Protein backbone atom coordinates (compact mmCIF):
# COMPACT_ATOMS: atom_id res chain seq x y z
CA MET A 1 35.93 -79.11 -18.28
CA PRO A 2 36.53 -75.79 -20.10
CA LEU A 3 34.62 -75.21 -23.33
CA ARG A 4 35.76 -71.98 -24.95
CA VAL A 5 34.56 -70.26 -28.11
CA THR A 6 36.79 -67.68 -29.81
CA PHE A 7 35.25 -65.59 -32.58
CA LEU A 8 38.08 -65.23 -35.10
CA GLY A 9 36.04 -63.67 -37.90
CA THR A 10 32.54 -62.21 -37.72
CA ALA A 11 32.14 -60.26 -41.00
CA GLY A 12 29.82 -60.90 -43.87
CA ALA A 13 31.09 -61.59 -47.37
CA ILE A 14 33.12 -58.37 -47.45
CA PRO A 15 35.56 -57.89 -44.56
CA THR A 16 35.91 -54.55 -42.81
CA THR A 17 38.78 -52.94 -40.96
CA GLU A 18 37.29 -54.33 -37.73
CA ARG A 19 35.92 -57.68 -38.85
CA ASN A 20 37.59 -60.60 -40.60
CA PRO A 21 35.66 -63.16 -42.72
CA SER A 22 33.99 -66.06 -40.98
CA SER A 23 35.85 -68.37 -38.62
CA ILE A 24 35.19 -69.74 -35.13
CA HIS A 25 37.60 -71.64 -32.90
CA VAL A 26 36.33 -73.98 -30.18
CA SER A 27 38.61 -75.44 -27.54
CA ARG A 28 37.52 -78.38 -25.41
CA LYS A 29 39.82 -80.33 -23.12
CA GLY A 30 42.82 -79.11 -25.06
CA GLU A 31 41.42 -80.11 -28.46
CA GLY A 32 41.14 -77.38 -31.07
CA LEU A 33 38.16 -77.37 -33.45
CA LEU A 34 37.84 -74.84 -36.27
CA PHE A 35 34.58 -73.92 -37.98
CA ASP A 36 35.15 -72.24 -41.37
CA ALA A 37 38.37 -70.46 -42.30
CA GLY A 38 37.88 -67.20 -44.16
CA GLU A 39 40.79 -65.23 -45.56
CA GLY A 40 43.29 -64.27 -42.87
CA THR A 41 42.17 -66.90 -40.36
CA GLN A 42 45.75 -67.90 -39.57
CA ARG A 43 46.59 -64.32 -38.60
CA GLN A 44 43.52 -64.15 -36.38
CA MET A 45 44.59 -67.36 -34.67
CA MET A 46 47.97 -65.81 -33.90
CA ARG A 47 46.45 -62.51 -32.88
CA PHE A 48 43.96 -64.01 -30.46
CA GLY A 49 46.14 -66.80 -29.13
CA THR A 50 44.23 -69.93 -30.13
CA GLY A 51 47.32 -71.63 -31.55
CA PHE A 52 47.39 -73.94 -34.56
CA SER A 53 46.88 -77.31 -32.87
CA VAL A 54 43.56 -77.89 -34.63
CA SER A 55 42.50 -81.50 -35.14
CA GLN A 56 39.29 -80.93 -37.12
CA LEU A 57 38.11 -78.26 -39.56
CA PHE A 58 34.38 -78.06 -40.28
CA VAL A 59 33.40 -76.21 -43.46
CA THR A 60 29.82 -75.00 -43.81
CA HIS A 61 30.05 -74.18 -47.53
CA LEU A 62 32.59 -73.25 -50.18
CA HIS A 63 32.03 -69.52 -50.59
CA GLY A 64 35.31 -67.64 -50.47
CA ASP A 65 34.65 -65.79 -47.23
CA HIS A 66 34.44 -69.15 -45.46
CA VAL A 67 37.33 -71.09 -47.05
CA LEU A 68 39.96 -68.82 -48.60
CA GLY A 69 42.00 -68.95 -45.41
CA ILE A 70 42.56 -72.69 -45.75
CA PRO A 71 45.61 -72.69 -48.11
CA GLY A 72 47.55 -70.21 -45.99
CA LEU A 73 46.62 -71.96 -42.76
CA LEU A 74 47.83 -75.31 -44.08
CA GLN A 75 51.07 -73.76 -45.29
CA THR A 76 51.71 -72.21 -41.88
CA MET A 77 51.01 -75.55 -40.21
CA ALA A 78 53.56 -77.17 -42.52
CA PHE A 79 56.15 -74.47 -41.77
CA ASN A 80 55.63 -75.31 -38.08
CA ASP A 81 56.61 -78.94 -38.83
CA ARG A 82 53.16 -80.35 -38.24
CA GLU A 83 53.00 -84.11 -38.57
CA LYS A 84 49.57 -84.93 -37.14
CA PRO A 85 46.74 -85.43 -39.67
CA LEU A 86 44.10 -82.76 -40.14
CA ALA A 87 40.52 -83.84 -40.84
CA ILE A 88 38.39 -81.50 -42.93
CA HIS A 89 34.64 -81.99 -43.15
CA THR A 90 32.76 -80.42 -46.05
CA PRO A 91 29.21 -80.57 -47.45
CA ARG A 92 28.25 -83.38 -49.78
CA GLY A 93 29.27 -82.75 -53.37
CA THR A 94 32.14 -80.39 -52.55
CA ARG A 95 35.09 -82.70 -51.85
CA ARG A 96 36.71 -82.22 -55.26
CA GLN A 97 36.61 -78.43 -55.04
CA LEU A 98 37.95 -78.44 -51.50
CA LYS A 99 40.75 -80.81 -52.45
CA GLY A 100 41.74 -78.35 -55.18
CA LEU A 101 41.82 -75.57 -52.60
CA VAL A 102 43.94 -77.64 -50.22
CA ASN A 103 46.43 -78.25 -53.03
CA ALA A 104 46.31 -74.67 -54.36
CA LEU A 105 49.33 -73.74 -56.51
CA ASN A 106 50.45 -77.38 -56.25
CA ASN A 107 51.50 -76.81 -52.64
CA ARG A 108 50.65 -80.19 -51.21
CA PRO A 109 50.64 -80.23 -47.40
CA SER A 110 53.54 -82.10 -45.81
CA PHE A 111 51.15 -83.77 -43.36
CA PRO A 112 48.05 -85.89 -43.99
CA VAL A 113 44.87 -83.98 -44.81
CA ARG A 114 41.76 -86.13 -44.84
CA ILE A 115 38.63 -84.72 -46.46
CA SER A 116 35.20 -86.21 -45.81
CA GLU A 117 31.78 -85.15 -47.03
CA VAL A 118 28.88 -84.76 -44.61
CA GLY A 119 25.17 -84.16 -44.98
CA ASP A 120 22.07 -83.55 -42.94
CA GLY A 121 21.94 -85.92 -39.97
CA ASP A 122 25.52 -87.17 -40.23
CA VAL A 123 27.83 -87.36 -37.23
CA ALA A 124 30.85 -85.60 -38.70
CA TYR A 125 33.11 -86.34 -35.74
CA ARG A 126 32.78 -88.52 -32.67
CA ALA A 127 35.18 -87.94 -29.78
CA ASP A 128 35.35 -88.86 -26.13
CA GLU A 129 32.25 -87.41 -24.47
CA PHE A 130 30.97 -85.34 -27.41
CA GLU A 131 30.18 -85.37 -31.11
CA ILE A 132 29.81 -82.90 -33.97
CA ARG A 133 26.55 -83.31 -35.87
CA ALA A 134 25.89 -81.86 -39.31
CA PHE A 135 22.47 -80.48 -40.19
CA GLY A 136 20.92 -79.11 -43.34
CA THR A 137 20.89 -75.38 -44.00
CA ASP A 138 19.31 -73.29 -46.76
CA HIS A 139 21.95 -71.31 -48.63
CA ASP A 140 22.48 -70.82 -52.36
CA THR A 141 25.05 -73.61 -52.57
CA ASN A 142 25.69 -76.96 -50.91
CA SER A 143 25.78 -76.13 -47.22
CA VAL A 144 25.47 -77.54 -43.72
CA GLY A 145 25.60 -76.29 -40.17
CA TYR A 146 27.26 -78.02 -37.23
CA ALA A 147 26.28 -78.74 -33.64
CA LEU A 148 28.74 -79.69 -30.91
CA VAL A 149 26.75 -81.87 -28.53
CA GLU A 150 28.27 -83.23 -25.34
CA ASP A 151 27.13 -86.53 -23.85
CA ASP A 152 25.03 -86.46 -20.70
CA ARG A 153 27.12 -86.44 -17.54
CA LYS A 154 26.70 -88.79 -14.64
CA GLY A 155 24.15 -87.81 -12.01
CA ARG A 156 25.37 -86.36 -8.75
CA PHE A 157 26.54 -88.90 -6.17
CA ASP A 158 24.77 -88.52 -2.83
CA ARG A 159 27.53 -89.43 -0.38
CA GLU A 160 25.37 -88.73 2.66
CA ARG A 161 22.65 -91.09 1.45
CA ALA A 162 25.24 -93.77 0.63
CA GLU A 163 26.66 -93.58 4.13
CA GLU A 164 23.14 -93.80 5.60
CA LEU A 165 22.70 -97.04 3.67
CA GLY A 166 25.92 -98.37 5.18
CA VAL A 167 28.16 -98.11 2.12
CA PRO A 168 31.78 -97.68 3.26
CA ALA A 169 33.81 -94.89 1.69
CA GLY A 170 36.10 -96.18 -1.03
CA PRO A 171 35.76 -98.32 -4.17
CA MET A 172 32.06 -99.00 -3.65
CA PHE A 173 31.34 -95.30 -4.03
CA SER A 174 32.96 -95.34 -7.47
CA ARG A 175 31.17 -98.50 -8.51
CA LEU A 176 27.82 -97.04 -7.54
CA HIS A 177 28.57 -93.82 -9.39
CA GLU A 178 29.40 -95.90 -12.47
CA GLY A 179 25.94 -97.46 -12.33
CA GLU A 180 26.77 -100.76 -10.65
CA THR A 181 24.94 -102.48 -7.82
CA VAL A 182 26.99 -103.40 -4.73
CA GLU A 183 26.50 -105.86 -1.89
CA LEU A 184 27.57 -104.93 1.63
CA GLU A 185 29.19 -107.29 4.12
CA ASP A 186 25.84 -107.89 5.83
CA GLY A 187 24.23 -108.89 2.55
CA THR A 188 22.44 -105.60 1.97
CA VAL A 189 22.17 -104.73 -1.73
CA VAL A 190 22.50 -101.07 -2.71
CA ARG A 191 21.55 -100.02 -6.23
CA SER A 192 23.10 -97.13 -8.09
CA GLU A 193 19.80 -95.29 -8.51
CA GLN A 194 19.45 -95.13 -4.72
CA VAL A 195 22.46 -92.83 -4.41
CA VAL A 196 22.97 -91.32 -7.86
CA GLY A 197 20.76 -88.61 -9.32
CA GLU A 198 19.43 -88.28 -12.86
CA PRO A 199 21.99 -87.81 -15.67
CA ARG A 200 22.92 -84.16 -16.16
CA PRO A 201 22.97 -82.62 -19.62
CA GLY A 202 26.20 -81.65 -21.29
CA ARG A 203 26.74 -78.45 -23.25
CA THR A 204 25.69 -77.69 -26.81
CA ILE A 205 26.89 -75.17 -29.39
CA VAL A 206 25.08 -74.73 -32.72
CA TYR A 207 26.71 -72.91 -35.65
CA THR A 208 24.63 -72.34 -38.77
CA GLY A 209 27.06 -70.75 -41.20
CA ASP A 210 25.16 -68.86 -43.91
CA THR A 211 21.50 -69.76 -44.21
CA ARG A 212 17.91 -68.70 -44.46
CA PRO A 213 15.90 -69.63 -41.33
CA THR A 214 15.39 -73.42 -41.14
CA ALA A 215 13.54 -75.80 -38.85
CA ALA A 216 16.64 -78.03 -38.82
CA THR A 217 18.42 -75.40 -36.72
CA VAL A 218 15.78 -75.83 -34.03
CA GLU A 219 15.71 -79.62 -34.28
CA ILE A 220 19.45 -80.38 -34.19
CA ALA A 221 19.89 -79.81 -30.45
CA ASP A 222 17.66 -79.44 -27.42
CA GLU A 223 18.03 -76.06 -25.72
CA PRO A 224 21.54 -75.19 -26.93
CA ASP A 225 23.74 -73.20 -24.62
CA LEU A 226 24.90 -71.09 -27.56
CA LEU A 227 23.36 -70.57 -30.99
CA ILE A 228 25.67 -68.83 -33.47
CA HIS A 229 23.39 -67.77 -36.29
CA ASP A 230 23.61 -65.93 -39.59
CA ALA A 231 22.30 -62.37 -39.08
CA THR A 232 23.68 -60.75 -42.21
CA PHE A 233 20.95 -58.14 -42.35
CA ALA A 234 18.67 -56.15 -40.10
CA ALA A 235 14.93 -56.01 -40.78
CA ASP A 236 15.38 -53.12 -43.22
CA ARG A 237 16.89 -55.62 -45.67
CA ALA A 238 14.60 -58.62 -45.10
CA ASP A 239 13.89 -58.92 -48.84
CA ARG A 240 17.59 -58.87 -49.57
CA ALA A 241 18.19 -61.54 -46.94
CA ALA A 242 15.63 -63.86 -48.54
CA LYS A 243 17.01 -63.25 -52.03
CA THR A 244 20.62 -63.94 -51.05
CA ALA A 245 19.82 -66.91 -48.78
CA HIS A 246 20.69 -65.23 -45.50
CA SER A 247 18.80 -64.34 -42.30
CA THR A 248 17.92 -61.18 -40.46
CA ALA A 249 18.67 -60.64 -36.79
CA ARG A 250 14.98 -60.97 -35.96
CA GLN A 251 14.74 -64.30 -37.81
CA ALA A 252 17.78 -65.60 -35.96
CA ALA A 253 16.22 -64.56 -32.67
CA GLU A 254 12.92 -66.23 -33.52
CA LEU A 255 14.76 -69.49 -34.10
CA ALA A 256 16.75 -69.07 -30.89
CA SER A 257 13.49 -68.64 -29.01
CA ARG A 258 11.93 -71.72 -30.63
CA ALA A 259 15.05 -73.75 -29.88
CA GLY A 260 15.12 -72.67 -26.23
CA ALA A 261 18.67 -71.38 -26.61
CA ASP A 262 20.42 -69.76 -23.68
CA ARG A 263 22.56 -67.35 -25.71
CA LEU A 264 22.42 -66.04 -29.27
CA ALA A 265 25.43 -64.75 -31.18
CA LEU A 266 24.56 -62.75 -34.29
CA MET A 267 27.18 -63.46 -36.97
CA HIS A 268 28.16 -62.61 -40.53
CA LEU A 269 27.03 -58.98 -40.42
CA SER A 270 26.99 -57.19 -43.75
CA SER A 271 29.62 -54.49 -44.20
CA ARG A 272 26.81 -52.01 -44.90
CA TYR A 273 26.25 -51.82 -41.13
CA ALA A 274 29.92 -51.09 -40.42
CA GLY A 275 30.28 -50.58 -36.66
CA HIS A 276 26.56 -50.09 -36.08
CA THR A 277 24.98 -53.15 -34.45
CA GLY A 278 22.23 -51.44 -32.47
CA ASP A 279 19.42 -52.32 -34.87
CA HIS A 280 20.44 -55.99 -34.92
CA LEU A 281 20.43 -56.16 -31.15
CA ALA A 282 17.17 -54.26 -30.72
CA GLU A 283 15.31 -56.41 -33.24
CA ALA A 284 16.62 -59.68 -31.79
CA ARG A 285 15.85 -58.71 -28.21
CA GLU A 286 12.24 -57.99 -29.10
CA VAL A 287 11.61 -61.69 -29.73
CA PHE A 288 14.29 -63.54 -27.73
CA ASP A 289 14.49 -63.40 -23.95
CA GLY A 290 17.92 -65.00 -23.65
CA GLU A 291 21.26 -63.24 -23.89
CA THR A 292 21.85 -61.73 -27.32
CA PHE A 293 25.13 -60.25 -28.49
CA VAL A 294 27.06 -59.33 -31.61
CA PRO A 295 30.56 -60.73 -31.11
CA ALA A 296 33.58 -58.73 -32.16
CA ASP A 297 36.63 -60.42 -33.61
CA GLY A 298 38.66 -61.81 -30.75
CA ASP A 299 35.79 -62.14 -28.30
CA GLU A 300 35.96 -65.26 -26.14
CA LEU A 301 33.10 -67.02 -24.42
CA GLU A 302 33.35 -69.76 -21.81
CA ILE A 303 30.35 -72.08 -21.92
CA PRO A 304 29.39 -73.28 -18.40
CA TYR A 305 27.51 -76.48 -17.73
CA PRO A 306 23.73 -76.07 -17.58
CA ASN A 307 22.56 -75.11 -14.10
CA ALA A 308 26.14 -74.76 -12.92
CA PRO A 309 26.49 -72.61 -9.79
CA GLU A 310 27.48 -69.00 -10.43
């Protein structure tokens, strides 16, 4: 089951020639999910081949570098004769402003756009085998982060053990794997737990948007496979980070370590660092043992299942 993250925009508030404002595309089982849509997001989607078949848009907050791409994106979707509804999720207290943005210049979308407000602890979206959970963040406006959390998968079916117990190959295998108990022709009862292992965890992606460090980021998901965290500044601007409600790379890494994350993506880098990301990486790697990287626009990452074979 492919789970792919495409970094469409990785800049801070001011874009650079190399980095677009914030936006992340996630594809799972053919469903497109978009997290934030800074200016130019539609062009990034074309450039990096994600397509426009997005079903859900999750907005972390209503600062321009996270939402100004929405009007153009909706217009392009309409030009492409979209008919399917688009659901947009936005922090509590921001629905009216977002609705105004959706209808900018009185250009009402030709397809249904449904806006819902979400807050800390809400399940913003529930789909088959996964959900998107909102969690509280600490920015200088109404804001949330989002976690994509897959359901646990079935345990592994031990065919050899089933055959030892006399279970014939066929429908009984499936019933046992589904958790049922079966009775053999000789009256022997075989329970699911005799041939099926413990449930296996699904995959988890956590995206903070813009925020100071928060405990909620650690608590929203157990050992996320990927934490995408605000790292606007390096340690040389820690005071500035606190004042503007952002995080440093070191702070992001400390949270990744506490959360037991597997990978850490440092996002929303200030334009003052231009193409220099060495300090961010060095500071983060001092406190986080997992994989740390600064994604470039267009970078893609496939998220494997935990403990999947190489």
